[in-house]
């Protein structure tokens, strides 16, 4: 039977295609990169795997962040709070904390800085075994803003930036690798 002759759309599936605009189930349990969509950070699945060593995966995730959203994501209105010339490099991973060196010459506007830090933290926390992120410059911790305006030079977690997410991505069901 020809597909065009099947009545009442019986060949169509009920499930929409996976996308960052859907819920956690659409993204599955895979590492994600967070992009800015208006004033919220939304996840997008990556080609990375939760079975990769954390050091390798966080490097790949930082490369994705530095490259900015792919064309399809840009076409749907997503952007990055992280300037394209920003240099981010993994210094090391220890006891669930990844240290990331940020170029001290990076200029990010004060209003976009919490979103930029949130992008890094939420993205890296989607990797297995990563619980927190410490931003450093020249080997020294740097103060980063939390969404409420407070500054800290301590490691920050995804929970610190959860208010930057749409409601459907808040809580323990956030996309990313299992937290076990």
Protein backbone atom coordinates (compact mmCIF):
# COMPACT_ATOMS: atom_id res chain seq x y z
CA UNK A 1 0.00 0.00 0.00
CA UNK A 2 1.27 3.45 -0.88
CA UNK A 3 1.96 5.69 2.14
CA UNK A 4 -0.12 8.46 0.55
CA UNK A 5 -3.24 6.29 0.60
CA UNK A 6 -3.14 5.40 4.31
CA UNK A 7 -6.06 7.25 5.97
CA UNK A 8 -6.20 9.44 9.07
CA UNK A 9 -2.44 9.93 9.42
CA UNK A 10 -2.06 6.38 10.74
CA UNK A 11 1.62 6.28 9.77
CA UNK A 12 2.52 9.33 11.84
CA UNK A 13 4.14 8.79 15.21
CA UNK A 14 2.77 10.38 18.37
CA UNK A 15 6.19 11.30 19.69
CA UNK A 16 7.73 14.58 18.63
CA UNK A 17 11.38 14.51 17.55
CA UNK A 18 13.92 15.05 20.36
CA UNK A 19 14.89 18.68 20.88
CA UNK A 20 16.08 21.09 23.51
CA UNK A 21 12.59 22.56 23.61
CA UNK A 22 11.14 19.33 24.93
CA UNK A 23 11.63 17.80 28.33
CA UNK A 24 14.37 15.74 29.90
CA UNK A 25 13.11 12.53 28.29
CA UNK A 26 13.63 14.05 24.84
CA UNK A 27 17.33 14.55 25.64
CA UNK A 28 17.88 11.22 27.37
CA UNK A 29 20.83 10.61 29.62
CA UNK A 30 23.66 12.06 27.57
CA UNK A 31 26.02 14.98 28.09
CA UNK A 32 24.52 18.31 27.04
CA UNK A 33 25.66 21.83 26.24
CA UNK A 34 23.59 24.75 27.51
CA UNK A 35 22.75 27.67 25.23
CA UNK A 36 21.03 30.96 25.96
CA UNK A 37 17.42 31.16 24.77
CA UNK A 38 16.14 34.64 25.68
CA UNK A 39 16.99 34.83 29.38
CA UNK A 40 17.08 31.07 30.09
CA UNK A 41 19.71 28.38 29.57
CA UNK A 42 18.44 25.40 27.59
CA UNK A 43 20.21 22.09 26.99
CA UNK A 44 21.15 20.57 23.67
CA UNK A 45 22.32 16.98 23.34
CA UNK A 46 25.91 16.43 22.24
CA UNK A 47 27.61 13.58 20.44
CA UNK A 48 29.59 12.81 23.60
CA UNK A 49 29.02 9.68 25.64
CA UNK A 50 28.54 9.18 29.37
CA UNK A 51 31.00 6.27 29.14
CA UNK A 52 33.89 8.58 28.21
CA UNK A 53 36.42 9.42 30.93
CA UNK A 54 35.32 12.68 32.60
CA UNK A 55 38.58 14.45 31.68
CA UNK A 56 38.05 13.69 27.99
CA UNK A 57 34.36 14.56 28.00
CA UNK A 58 34.74 17.90 29.80
CA UNK A 59 37.40 18.89 27.24
CA UNK A 60 34.96 18.08 24.43
CA UNK A 61 32.15 19.98 26.14
CA UNK A 62 34.35 23.08 26.53
CA UNK A 63 35.27 22.89 22.84
CA UNK A 64 31.54 22.81 22.00
CA UNK A 65 30.89 25.82 24.24
CA UNK A 66 33.77 27.76 22.71
CA UNK A 67 32.47 27.03 19.20
CA UNK A 68 29.06 28.45 20.04
CA UNK A 69 25.68 27.08 19.05
CA UNK A 70 25.45 25.14 15.79
CA UNK A 71 23.64 26.81 12.88
CA UNK A 72 20.36 25.00 13.58
CA UNK A 73 20.34 26.19 17.21
CA UNK A 74 21.20 29.75 16.12
CA UNK A 75 18.35 29.67 13.60
CA UNK A 76 15.96 28.82 16.44
CA UNK A 77 17.15 31.80 18.49
CA UNK A 78 19.80 30.24 20.70
CA UNK A 79 23.03 32.06 21.47
CA UNK A 80 25.90 31.99 23.91
CA UNK A 81 26.70 34.38 26.74
CA UNK A 82 30.33 33.31 26.31
CA UNK A 83 32.19 35.53 23.82
CA UNK A 84 33.59 33.63 20.84
CA UNK A 85 37.17 34.63 21.66
CA UNK A 86 37.03 33.21 25.20
CA UNK A 87 39.69 30.63 26.01
CA UNK A 88 38.56 27.94 28.44
CA UNK A 89 40.85 25.04 29.34
CA UNK A 90 40.53 22.15 31.76
CA UNK A 91 43.26 22.30 34.39
CA UNK A 92 42.25 19.08 36.10
CA UNK A 93 39.51 16.96 37.62
CA UNK A 94 39.74 15.94 41.27
CA UNK A 95 37.10 14.54 43.63
CA UNK A 96 34.22 15.57 41.35
CA UNK A 97 35.47 19.13 40.85
CA UNK A 98 36.75 20.26 37.47
CA UNK A 99 39.08 23.25 37.47
CA UNK A 100 38.74 25.42 34.38
CA UNK A 101 41.21 28.12 33.43
CA UNK A 102 39.63 31.19 31.90
CA UNK A 103 41.72 33.73 30.03
CA UNK A 104 42.05 36.78 32.29
CA UNK A 105 41.64 39.02 29.24
CA UNK A 106 38.11 37.77 28.59
CA UNK A 107 35.60 40.61 28.59
CA UNK A 108 32.05 39.58 29.43
CA UNK A 109 29.46 42.21 30.30
CA UNK A 110 28.31 42.19 33.92
CA UNK A 111 24.72 41.43 32.93
CA UNK A 112 25.75 38.35 30.88
CA UNK A 113 28.38 37.03 33.29
CA UNK A 114 26.05 34.88 35.47
CA UNK A 115 24.61 33.27 32.31
CA UNK A 116 28.11 32.66 30.91
CA UNK A 117 29.28 31.03 34.14
CA UNK A 118 25.99 29.10 34.29
CA UNK A 119 26.59 27.78 30.77
CA UNK A 120 29.99 26.44 31.78
CA UNK A 121 28.86 24.98 35.11
CA UNK A 122 25.62 23.37 33.88
CA UNK A 123 27.33 21.97 30.78
CA UNK A 124 30.26 20.43 32.66
CA UNK A 125 27.97 19.12 35.42
CA UNK A 126 26.18 17.06 32.75
CA UNK A 127 29.33 14.88 32.52
CA UNK A 128 29.58 11.79 34.73
CA UNK A 129 31.22 12.36 38.09
CA UNK A 130 31.37 16.15 37.79
CA UNK A 131 29.68 17.80 40.76
CA UNK A 132 31.28 21.26 40.79
CA UNK A 133 33.39 23.68 38.77
CA UNK A 134 36.20 25.93 40.00
CA UNK A 135 37.13 28.77 37.67
CA UNK A 136 40.77 29.81 37.85
CA UNK A 137 43.04 32.26 36.08
CA UNK A 138 46.79 31.90 36.28
CA UNK A 139 46.32 29.07 38.76
CA UNK A 140 44.33 31.21 41.21
CA UNK A 141 40.58 30.89 41.86
CA UNK A 142 38.56 33.76 40.42
CA UNK A 143 35.39 35.22 41.87
CA UNK A 144 32.32 34.32 39.87
CA UNK A 145 28.82 35.73 40.23
CA UNK A 146 25.89 33.64 41.27
CA UNK A 147 22.52 34.49 39.68
CA UNK A 148 21.48 36.52 42.73
CA UNK A 149 24.56 38.73 42.49
CA UNK A 150 26.72 37.24 45.25
CA UNK A 151 30.35 36.52 44.38
CA UNK A 152 32.28 33.39 45.28
CA UNK A 153 35.76 32.04 44.60
CA UNK A 154 34.66 28.56 45.75
CA UNK A 155 33.64 25.71 43.44
CA UNK A 156 30.10 26.22 42.12
CA UNK A 157 27.51 23.57 41.28
CA UNK A 158 24.64 23.16 38.85
CA UNK A 159 22.29 23.82 41.77
CA UNK A 160 23.82 27.29 42.12
CA UNK A 161 22.59 28.14 38.60
CA UNK A 162 19.34 26.16 38.45
CA UNK A 163 17.25 29.35 38.48
CA UNK A 164 18.63 30.15 35.01
CA UNK A 165 16.85 27.05 33.63
CA UNK A 166 13.25 26.82 32.43
CA UNK A 167 11.02 25.15 35.06
CA UNK A 168 10.88 21.82 33.20
CA UNK A 169 14.65 21.35 33.61
CA UNK A 170 14.91 22.16 37.30
CA UNK A 171 15.26 19.51 39.98
CA UNK A 172 16.84 16.09 39.96
CA UNK A 173 15.58 15.28 36.46
CA UNK A 174 18.00 17.62 34.69
CA UNK A 175 19.45 16.23 31.47
CA UNK A 176 22.93 14.80 31.49
CA UNK A 177 24.70 11.67 32.60
CA UNK A 178 23.48 9.84 35.70
CA UNK A 179 24.53 11.44 38.95
CA UNK A 180 25.02 8.14 40.78
